[in-house]
């Protein structure tokens, strides 16, 4: 089943009466295929999130807006916009007794923002934040407004060669075919370059503008922090994660 919520979509699969539900939120320029290898158990209710103005990786999709859907009253491309969609997924789609909310990279910030807005929905949820965008975090390399302005001119070249000698160091080992396939699709997942630019600017504002007190709204789960990340600053990520008293810190 595919549901449209404003410019975002939610895809749900699984049995009618699941014992457990997983809601998965992908990262910047990713799509939800990142998670499908991890959650193949047919007994799970799996709800996969597609960010606002991103392509949904489902063939023959017939996405319709359900009666409960509300278009977020936030700026498209922002963490807040996607957080409002996640809130609706937790309110209206989740049916399992146990709930895990798993976010990768920017998806981690979406989860924390949703928890700040609706802490009641996270009282019983397990939260997994994987190499996440965190409050008081930093990018591995700061992007100046001038560099962001130049992005529309760079995007066509990235699409022609998603893995190149210029960016190969970012990705780490590339001998895994599935990983290579996901990376090759990155520059094609957002529908418009303006969405990528809006995502980047909003993340740059959200990290320094959000305090670590937001962690109080997530009650259990884990933060996975890599020690060799080329997208986000591992030291800043680790320092932030240590403030999450309710979550286990797992160094990878």
C-alpha atoms as a PDB file:
ATOM      1  CA  UNK A   1       0.000   0.000   0.000  1.00  0.00           C
ATOM      2  CA  UNK A   2       1.301   3.456  -0.896  1.00  0.00           C
ATOM      3  CA  UNK A   3      -0.091   6.596   0.751  1.00  0.00           C
ATOM      4  CA  UNK A   4       0.605  10.186  -0.256  1.00  0.00           C
ATOM      5  CA  UNK A   5       0.948  12.793   2.490  1.00  0.00           C
ATOM      6  CA  UNK A   6       1.490  16.143   0.825  1.00  0.00           C
ATOM      7  CA  UNK A   7       4.648  15.768  -1.270  1.00  0.00           C
ATOM      8  CA  UNK A   8       5.827  12.724   0.721  1.00  0.00           C
ATOM      9  CA  UNK A   9       4.741   9.084   0.567  1.00  0.00           C
ATOM     10  CA  UNK A  10       4.469   6.132   2.931  1.00  0.00           C
ATOM     11  CA  UNK A  11       4.603   2.507   1.757  1.00  0.00           C
ATOM     12  CA  UNK A  12       3.258  -0.233   4.019  1.00  0.00           C
ATOM     13  CA  UNK A  13       3.557  -4.009   3.779  1.00  0.00           C
ATOM     14  CA  UNK A  14       2.977  -6.890   6.165  1.00  0.00           C
ATOM     15  CA  UNK A  15       0.231  -8.956   7.803  1.00  0.00           C
ATOM     16  CA  UNK A  16      -3.111  -7.614   8.997  1.00  0.00           C
ATOM     17  CA  UNK A  17      -2.330  -8.241  12.665  1.00  0.00           C
ATOM     18  CA  UNK A  18       1.422  -7.817  13.146  1.00  0.00           C
ATOM     19  CA  UNK A  19       3.095  -8.180  16.520  1.00  0.00           C
ATOM     20  CA  UNK A  20       5.771  -5.662  15.607  1.00  0.00           C
ATOM     21  CA  UNK A  21       5.994  -2.621  13.364  1.00  0.00           C
ATOM     22  CA  UNK A  22       9.032  -0.882  11.915  1.00  0.00           C
ATOM     23  CA  UNK A  23       8.945   2.642  10.515  1.00  0.00           C
ATOM     24  CA  UNK A  24      12.091   3.435   8.502  1.00  0.00           C
ATOM     25  CA  UNK A  25      13.175   6.958   7.538  1.00  0.00           C
ATOM     26  CA  UNK A  26      15.893   7.316   4.895  1.00  0.00           C
ATOM     27  CA  UNK A  27      18.647   9.916   4.716  1.00  0.00           C
ATOM     28  CA  UNK A  28      19.628  12.790   2.447  1.00  0.00           C
ATOM     29  CA  UNK A  29      19.397  11.862  -1.278  1.00  0.00           C
ATOM     30  CA  UNK A  30      18.642   8.250  -0.318  1.00  0.00           C
ATOM     31  CA  UNK A  31      15.517   6.175  -0.737  1.00  0.00           C
ATOM     32  CA  UNK A  32      13.922   3.545   1.453  1.00  0.00           C
ATOM     33  CA  UNK A  33      15.518   0.593  -0.375  1.00  0.00           C
ATOM     34  CA  UNK A  34      18.394   1.190   2.072  1.00  0.00           C
ATOM     35  CA  UNK A  35      16.320  -0.641   4.733  1.00  0.00           C
ATOM     36  CA  UNK A  36      14.676  -3.511   2.866  1.00  0.00           C
ATOM     37  CA  UNK A  37      17.589  -5.921   3.347  1.00  0.00           C
ATOM     38  CA  UNK A  38      17.350  -5.481   7.123  1.00  0.00           C
ATOM     39  CA  UNK A  39      13.594  -6.033   7.483  1.00  0.00           C
ATOM     40  CA  UNK A  40      12.645  -8.960   5.269  1.00  0.00           C
ATOM     41  CA  UNK A  41      10.653 -10.881   7.882  1.00  0.00           C
ATOM     42  CA  UNK A  42       7.103 -11.172   6.419  1.00  0.00           C
ATOM     43  CA  UNK A  43       5.670 -11.187   9.950  1.00  0.00           C
ATOM     44  CA  UNK A  44       6.709  -7.542  10.366  1.00  0.00           C
ATOM     45  CA  UNK A  45       4.595  -4.560   9.490  1.00  0.00           C
ATOM     46  CA  UNK A  46       7.091  -2.443   7.564  1.00  0.00           C
ATOM     47  CA  UNK A  47       6.287   1.209   6.912  1.00  0.00           C
ATOM     48  CA  UNK A  48       8.783   2.866   4.592  1.00  0.00           C
ATOM     49  CA  UNK A  49       9.064   6.641   4.414  1.00  0.00           C
ATOM     50  CA  UNK A  50       9.821   8.728   1.325  1.00  0.00           C
ATOM     51  CA  UNK A  51      10.869  12.336   2.003  1.00  0.00           C
ATOM     52  CA  UNK A  52       8.954  15.252   0.577  1.00  0.00           C
ATOM     53  CA  UNK A  53       9.563  15.734  -3.168  1.00  0.00           C
ATOM     54  CA  UNK A  54      11.551  12.502  -3.556  1.00  0.00           C
ATOM     55  CA  UNK A  55      10.816   9.656  -5.969  1.00  0.00           C
ATOM     56  CA  UNK A  56       9.121   6.629  -4.396  1.00  0.00           C
ATOM     57  CA  UNK A  57      10.939   3.419  -5.442  1.00  0.00           C
ATOM     58  CA  UNK A  58       7.769   1.378  -6.029  1.00  0.00           C
ATOM     59  CA  UNK A  59       6.673   0.096  -9.435  1.00  0.00           C
ATOM     60  CA  UNK A  60       3.029   0.438 -10.462  1.00  0.00           C
ATOM     61  CA  UNK A  61       2.355   2.644  -7.489  1.00  0.00           C
ATOM     62  CA  UNK A  62      -1.104   4.084  -7.072  1.00  0.00           C
ATOM     63  CA  UNK A  63      -0.553   6.452  -4.192  1.00  0.00           C
ATOM     64  CA  UNK A  64      -3.683   8.047  -2.804  1.00  0.00           C
ATOM     65  CA  UNK A  65      -4.169  10.510   0.022  1.00  0.00           C
ATOM     66  CA  UNK A  66      -6.038   8.774   2.876  1.00  0.00           C
ATOM     67  CA  UNK A  67      -8.861  10.589   4.642  1.00  0.00           C
ATOM     68  CA  UNK A  68      -6.645  11.318   7.659  1.00  0.00           C
ATOM     69  CA  UNK A  69      -3.759  12.816   5.667  1.00  0.00           C
ATOM     70  CA  UNK A  70      -2.850  16.444   6.356  1.00  0.00           C
ATOM     71  CA  UNK A  71      -0.414  18.390   4.202  1.00  0.00           C
ATOM     72  CA  UNK A  72       2.335  19.559   6.587  1.00  0.00           C
ATOM     73  CA  UNK A  73       2.257  23.239   7.373  1.00  0.00           C
ATOM     74  CA  UNK A  74       6.045  23.430   7.110  1.00  0.00           C
ATOM     75  CA  UNK A  75       8.519  24.306   4.358  1.00  0.00           C
ATOM     76  CA  UNK A  76       8.951  21.540   1.800  1.00  0.00           C
ATOM     77  CA  UNK A  77      12.462  20.141   2.017  1.00  0.00           C
ATOM     78  CA  UNK A  78      12.760  20.779   5.741  1.00  0.00           C
ATOM     79  CA  UNK A  79      13.251  18.280   8.551  1.00  0.00           C
ATOM     80  CA  UNK A  80      10.077  19.680  10.113  1.00  0.00           C
ATOM     81  CA  UNK A  81       8.018  18.855   6.988  1.00  0.00           C
ATOM     82  CA  UNK A  82       9.100  15.227   7.047  1.00  0.00           C
ATOM     83  CA  UNK A  83       8.646  15.050  10.829  1.00  0.00           C
ATOM     84  CA  UNK A  84       4.983  15.973  10.379  1.00  0.00           C
ATOM     85  CA  UNK A  85       4.605  13.108   7.895  1.00  0.00           C
ATOM     86  CA  UNK A  86       6.294  10.673  10.303  1.00  0.00           C
ATOM     87  CA  UNK A  87       3.893  11.745  13.048  1.00  0.00           C
ATOM     88  CA  UNK A  88       0.952  10.831  10.808  1.00  0.00           C
ATOM     89  CA  UNK A  89       2.496   7.434  10.051  1.00  0.00           C
ATOM     90  CA  UNK A  90       2.797   6.694  13.777  1.00  0.00           C
ATOM     91  CA  UNK A  91      -0.710   7.966  14.473  1.00  0.00           C
ATOM     92  CA  UNK A  92      -2.608   6.242  11.671  1.00  0.00           C
ATOM     93  CA  UNK A  93      -0.624   3.399  10.074  1.00  0.00           C
ATOM     94  CA  UNK A  94       1.224   1.585  12.858  1.00  0.00           C
ATOM     95  CA  UNK A  95      -0.758  -1.385  14.186  1.00  0.00           C
ATOM     96  CA  UNK A  96       1.889  -3.582  15.856  1.00  0.00           C
ATOM     97  CA  UNK A  97       2.186  -3.795  19.626  1.00  0.00           C
ATOM     98  CA  UNK A  98       5.923  -3.181  19.487  1.00  0.00           C
ATOM     99  CA  UNK A  99       7.227  -0.280  17.406  1.00  0.00           C
ATOM    100  CA  UNK A 100      10.725   0.485  16.163  1.00  0.00           C
ATOM    101  CA  UNK A 101      11.499   3.783  14.398  1.00  0.00           C
ATOM    102  CA  UNK A 102      14.778   3.507  12.455  1.00  0.00           C
ATOM    103  CA  UNK A 103      16.394   6.551  10.865  1.00  0.00           C
ATOM    104  CA  UNK A 104      19.604   6.798   8.863  1.00  0.00           C
ATOM    105  CA  UNK A 105      21.563  10.064   8.509  1.00  0.00           C
ATOM    106  CA  UNK A 106      19.026  12.891   7.976  1.00  0.00           C
ATOM    107  CA  UNK A 107      16.320  10.408   8.962  1.00  0.00           C
ATOM    108  CA  UNK A 108      17.673  10.509  12.510  1.00  0.00           C
ATOM    109  CA  UNK A 109      16.967  14.232  12.725  1.00  0.00           C
ATOM    110  CA  UNK A 110      13.462  13.679  11.325  1.00  0.00           C
ATOM    111  CA  UNK A 111      12.784  11.185  14.137  1.00  0.00           C
ATOM    112  CA  UNK A 112      14.080  13.502  16.864  1.00  0.00           C
ATOM    113  CA  UNK A 113      12.068  16.413  15.487  1.00  0.00           C
ATOM    114  CA  UNK A 114       8.916  14.269  15.405  1.00  0.00           C
ATOM    115  CA  UNK A 115       9.576  13.167  19.000  1.00  0.00           C
ATOM    116  CA  UNK A 116       9.964  16.792  20.089  1.00  0.00           C
ATOM    117  CA  UNK A 117       6.601  17.649  18.509  1.00  0.00           C
ATOM    118  CA  UNK A 118       4.709  14.552  19.665  1.00  0.00           C
ATOM    119  CA  UNK A 119       6.535  12.914  22.579  1.00  0.00           C
ATOM    120  CA  UNK A 120       3.450  10.833  23.396  1.00  0.00           C
ATOM    121  CA  UNK A 121       3.959   8.806  20.209  1.00  0.00           C
ATOM    122  CA  UNK A 122       7.467   7.812  21.339  1.00  0.00           C
ATOM    123  CA  UNK A 123       6.685   6.726  24.916  1.00  0.00           C
ATOM    124  CA  UNK A 124       6.768   3.024  23.973  1.00  0.00           C
ATOM    125  CA  UNK A 125       8.781   3.181  20.734  1.00  0.00           C
ATOM    126  CA  UNK A 126      12.290   1.842  20.261  1.00  0.00           C
ATOM    127  CA  UNK A 127      14.413   4.338  18.326  1.00  0.00           C
ATOM    128  CA  UNK A 128      17.431   3.439  16.189  1.00  0.00           C
ATOM    129  CA  UNK A 129      19.483   6.418  14.995  1.00  0.00           C
ATOM    130  CA  UNK A 130      22.114   5.203  12.537  1.00  0.00           C
ATOM    131  CA  UNK A 131      25.020   7.547  11.668  1.00  0.00           C
ATOM    132  CA  UNK A 132      22.471  10.282  12.286  1.00  0.00           C
ATOM    133  CA  UNK A 133      22.186  14.019  11.847  1.00  0.00           C
ATOM    134  CA  UNK A 134      22.062  15.079  15.500  1.00  0.00           C
ATOM    135  CA  UNK A 135      21.519  18.251  17.524  1.00  0.00           C
ATOM    136  CA  UNK A 136      24.798  20.174  17.798  1.00  0.00           C
ATOM    137  CA  UNK A 137      26.298  17.916  15.125  1.00  0.00           C
ATOM    138  CA  UNK A 138      28.384  19.098  12.205  1.00  0.00           C
ATOM    139  CA  UNK A 139      29.006  18.062   8.617  1.00  0.00           C
ATOM    140  CA  UNK A 140      32.353  16.466   7.842  1.00  0.00           C
ATOM    141  CA  UNK A 141      33.111  19.469   5.619  1.00  0.00           C
ATOM    142  CA  UNK A 142      31.217  22.743   5.886  1.00  0.00           C
ATOM    143  CA  UNK A 143      29.406  23.822   2.722  1.00  0.00           C
ATOM    144  CA  UNK A 144      29.429  27.559   2.215  1.00  0.00           C
ATOM    145  CA  UNK A 145      26.377  29.298   0.698  1.00  0.00           C
ATOM    146  CA  UNK A 146      28.464  29.790  -2.434  1.00  0.00           C
ATOM    147  CA  UNK A 147      29.103  26.052  -2.770  1.00  0.00           C
ATOM    148  CA  UNK A 148      25.393  25.295  -2.253  1.00  0.00           C
ATOM    149  CA  UNK A 149      24.536  27.885  -4.912  1.00  0.00           C
ATOM    150  CA  UNK A 150      26.804  26.029  -7.350  1.00  0.00           C
ATOM    151  CA  UNK A 151      25.084  22.668  -6.749  1.00  0.00           C
ATOM    152  CA  UNK A 152      22.656  22.889  -9.726  1.00  0.00           C
ATOM    153  CA  UNK A 153      25.651  23.075 -12.055  1.00  0.00           C
ATOM    154  CA  UNK A 154      27.377  20.098 -10.404  1.00  0.00           C
ATOM    155  CA  UNK A 155      24.344  17.789 -10.278  1.00  0.00           C
ATOM    156  CA  UNK A 156      24.346  16.819 -14.003  1.00  0.00           C
ATOM    157  CA  UNK A 157      27.986  15.732 -13.730  1.00  0.00           C
ATOM    158  CA  UNK A 158      27.230  13.707 -10.575  1.00  0.00           C
ATOM    159  CA  UNK A 159      24.339  12.021 -12.373  1.00  0.00           C
ATOM    160  CA  UNK A 160      26.610  11.079 -15.250  1.00  0.00           C
ATOM    161  CA  UNK A 161      29.128   9.485 -12.873  1.00  0.00           C
ATOM    162  CA  UNK A 162      27.680   8.832  -9.382  1.00  0.00           C
ATOM    163  CA  UNK A 163      30.895   7.065  -8.296  1.00  0.00           C
ATOM    164  CA  UNK A 164      33.963   8.861  -9.584  1.00  0.00           C
ATOM    165  CA  UNK A 165      37.618   9.406  -8.648  1.00  0.00           C
ATOM    166  CA  UNK A 166      36.550  12.746  -7.125  1.00  0.00           C
ATOM    167  CA  UNK A 167      34.061  11.284  -4.639  1.00  0.00           C
ATOM    168  CA  UNK A 168      35.189   7.663  -4.251  1.00  0.00           C
ATOM    169  CA  UNK A 169      36.774   8.253  -0.833  1.00  0.00           C
ATOM    170  CA  UNK A 170      33.402   9.237   0.639  1.00  0.00           C
ATOM    171  CA  UNK A 171      31.816   5.843   0.069  1.00  0.00           C
ATOM    172  CA  UNK A 172      34.355   3.517   1.678  1.00  0.00           C
ATOM    173  CA  UNK A 173      34.635  -0.074   0.377  1.00  0.00           C
ATOM    174  CA  UNK A 174      32.603  -0.648  -2.776  1.00  0.00           C
ATOM    175  CA  UNK A 175      32.842  -4.417  -3.188  1.00  0.00           C
ATOM    176  CA  UNK A 176      29.252  -4.908  -1.983  1.00  0.00           C
ATOM    177  CA  UNK A 177      26.986  -4.926  -5.059  1.00  0.00           C
ATOM    178  CA  UNK A 178      23.928  -3.737  -3.150  1.00  0.00           C
ATOM    179  CA  UNK A 179      25.818  -0.826  -1.642  1.00  0.00           C
ATOM    180  CA  UNK A 180      27.132   0.192  -5.086  1.00  0.00           C
ATOM    181  CA  UNK A 181      23.619   0.039  -6.506  1.00  0.00           C
ATOM    182  CA  UNK A 182      22.227   2.292  -3.779  1.00  0.00           C
ATOM    183  CA  UNK A 183      25.062   4.812  -4.235  1.00  0.00           C
ATOM    184  CA  UNK A 184      24.550   4.874  -8.006  1.00  0.00           C
ATOM    185  CA  UNK A 185      20.965   5.990  -7.422  1.00  0.00           C
ATOM    186  CA  UNK A 186      21.686   8.831  -4.986  1.00  0.00           C
ATOM    187  CA  UNK A 187      21.717  11.788  -7.420  1.00  0.00           C
ATOM    188  CA  UNK A 188      18.397  10.637  -8.920  1.00  0.00           C
ATOM    189  CA  UNK A 189      16.273  10.200  -5.772  1.00  0.00           C
ATOM    190  CA  UNK A 190      15.174  13.831  -5.186  1.00  0.00           C
ATOM    191  CA  UNK A 191      12.718  15.037  -7.815  1.00  0.00           C
ATOM    192  CA  UNK A 192      14.345  18.457  -8.142  1.00  0.00           C
ATOM    193  CA  UNK A 193      17.724  19.991  -7.432  1.00  0.00           C
ATOM    194  CA  UNK A 194      15.935  22.691  -5.427  1.00  0.00           C
ATOM    195  CA  UNK A 195      14.862  19.959  -2.990  1.00  0.00           C
ATOM    196  CA  UNK A 196      18.468  18.915  -2.436  1.00  0.00           C
ATOM    197  CA  UNK A 197      19.436  22.528  -1.816  1.00  0.00           C
ATOM    198  CA  UNK A 198      16.540  23.000   0.620  1.00  0.00           C
ATOM    199  CA  UNK A 199      17.566  19.801   2.474  1.00  0.00           C
ATOM    200  CA  UNK A 200      21.186  20.972   2.781  1.00  0.00           C
ATOM    201  CA  UNK A 201      20.317  24.452   4.025  1.00  0.00           C
ATOM    202  CA  UNK A 202      17.785  23.143   6.515  1.00  0.00           C
ATOM    203  CA  UNK A 203      20.199  20.548   7.954  1.00  0.00           C
ATOM    204  CA  UNK A 204      22.828  23.275   8.297  1.00  0.00           C
ATOM    205  CA  UNK A 205      20.314  25.330  10.309  1.00  0.00           C
ATOM    206  CA  UNK A 206      18.785  22.448  12.300  1.00  0.00           C
ATOM    207  CA  UNK A 207      22.002  21.006  13.769  1.00  0.00           C
ATOM    208  CA  UNK A 208      23.313  24.145  15.529  1.00  0.00           C
ATOM    209  CA  UNK A 209      19.791  25.407  16.192  1.00  0.00           C
ATOM    210  CA  UNK A 210      18.582  22.304  18.061  1.00  0.00           C
ATOM    211  CA  UNK A 211      19.641  21.616  21.637  1.00  0.00           C
ATOM    212  CA  UNK A 212      20.440  18.185  23.056  1.00  0.00           C
ATOM    213  CA  UNK A 213      17.434  18.439  25.393  1.00  0.00           C
ATOM    214  CA  UNK A 214      15.456  16.980  22.470  1.00  0.00           C
ATOM    215  CA  UNK A 215      16.786  13.553  23.505  1.00  0.00           C
ATOM    216  CA  UNK A 216      14.495  13.508  26.540  1.00  0.00           C
ATOM    217  CA  UNK A 217      11.577  12.659  24.240  1.00  0.00           C
ATOM    218  CA  UNK A 218      12.989   9.297  23.102  1.00  0.00           C
ATOM    219  CA  UNK A 219      12.857   6.664  25.831  1.00  0.00           C
ATOM    220  CA  UNK A 220      14.811   3.644  24.577  1.00  0.00           C
ATOM    221  CA  UNK A 221      16.886   2.422  21.662  1.00  0.00           C
ATOM    222  CA  UNK A 222      20.364   3.132  20.355  1.00  0.00           C
ATOM    223  CA  UNK A 223      22.539   5.572  18.454  1.00  0.00           C
ATOM    224  CA  UNK A 224      25.076   4.012  16.058  1.00  0.00           C
ATOM    225  CA  UNK A 225      28.103   6.287  15.667  1.00  0.00           C
ATOM    226  CA  UNK A 226      30.779   5.426  13.077  1.00  0.00           C
ATOM    227  CA  UNK A 227      34.368   6.404  13.796  1.00  0.00           C
ATOM    228  CA  UNK A 228      35.223   7.000  10.127  1.00  0.00           C
ATOM    229  CA  UNK A 229      32.384   8.969   8.566  1.00  0.00           C
ATOM    230  CA  UNK A 230      33.080  11.195   5.558  1.00  0.00           C
ATOM    231  CA  UNK A 231      29.674  12.894   5.494  1.00  0.00           C
ATOM    232  CA  UNK A 232      29.087  13.904   9.124  1.00  0.00           C
ATOM    233  CA  UNK A 233      31.711  14.839  11.710  1.00  0.00           C
ATOM    234  CA  UNK A 234      32.163  11.708  13.904  1.00  0.00           C
ATOM    235  CA  UNK A 235      33.510  13.667  16.894  1.00  0.00           C
ATOM    236  CA  UNK A 236      30.564  16.061  16.954  1.00  0.00           C
ATOM    237  CA  UNK A 237      28.174  13.132  16.445  1.00  0.00           C
ATOM    238  CA  UNK A 238      29.720  11.270  19.383  1.00  0.00           C
ATOM    239  CA  UNK A 239      29.683  14.309  21.674  1.00  0.00           C
ATOM    240  CA  UNK A 240      26.005  14.849  20.933  1.00  0.00           C
ATOM    241  CA  UNK A 241      25.073  11.173  21.295  1.00  0.00           C
ATOM    242  CA  UNK A 242      26.614  11.076  24.773  1.00  0.00           C
ATOM    243  CA  UNK A 243      23.891  13.488  25.909  1.00  0.00           C
ATOM    244  CA  UNK A 244      21.144  10.966  25.081  1.00  0.00           C
ATOM    245  CA  UNK A 245      20.704   9.406  28.516  1.00  0.00           C
ATOM    246  CA  UNK A 246      17.920   7.023  27.462  1.00  0.00           C
ATOM    247  CA  UNK A 247      19.677   5.572  24.419  1.00  0.00           C
ATOM    248  CA  UNK A 248      22.506   3.063  24.166  1.00  0.00           C
ATOM    249  CA  UNK A 249      25.590   4.412  22.400  1.00  0.00           C
ATOM    250  CA  UNK A 250      27.116   1.937  19.944  1.00  0.00           C
ATOM    251  CA  UNK A 251      30.454   2.902  18.404  1.00  0.00           C
ATOM    252  CA  UNK A 252      30.965   1.274  15.010  1.00  0.00           C
END
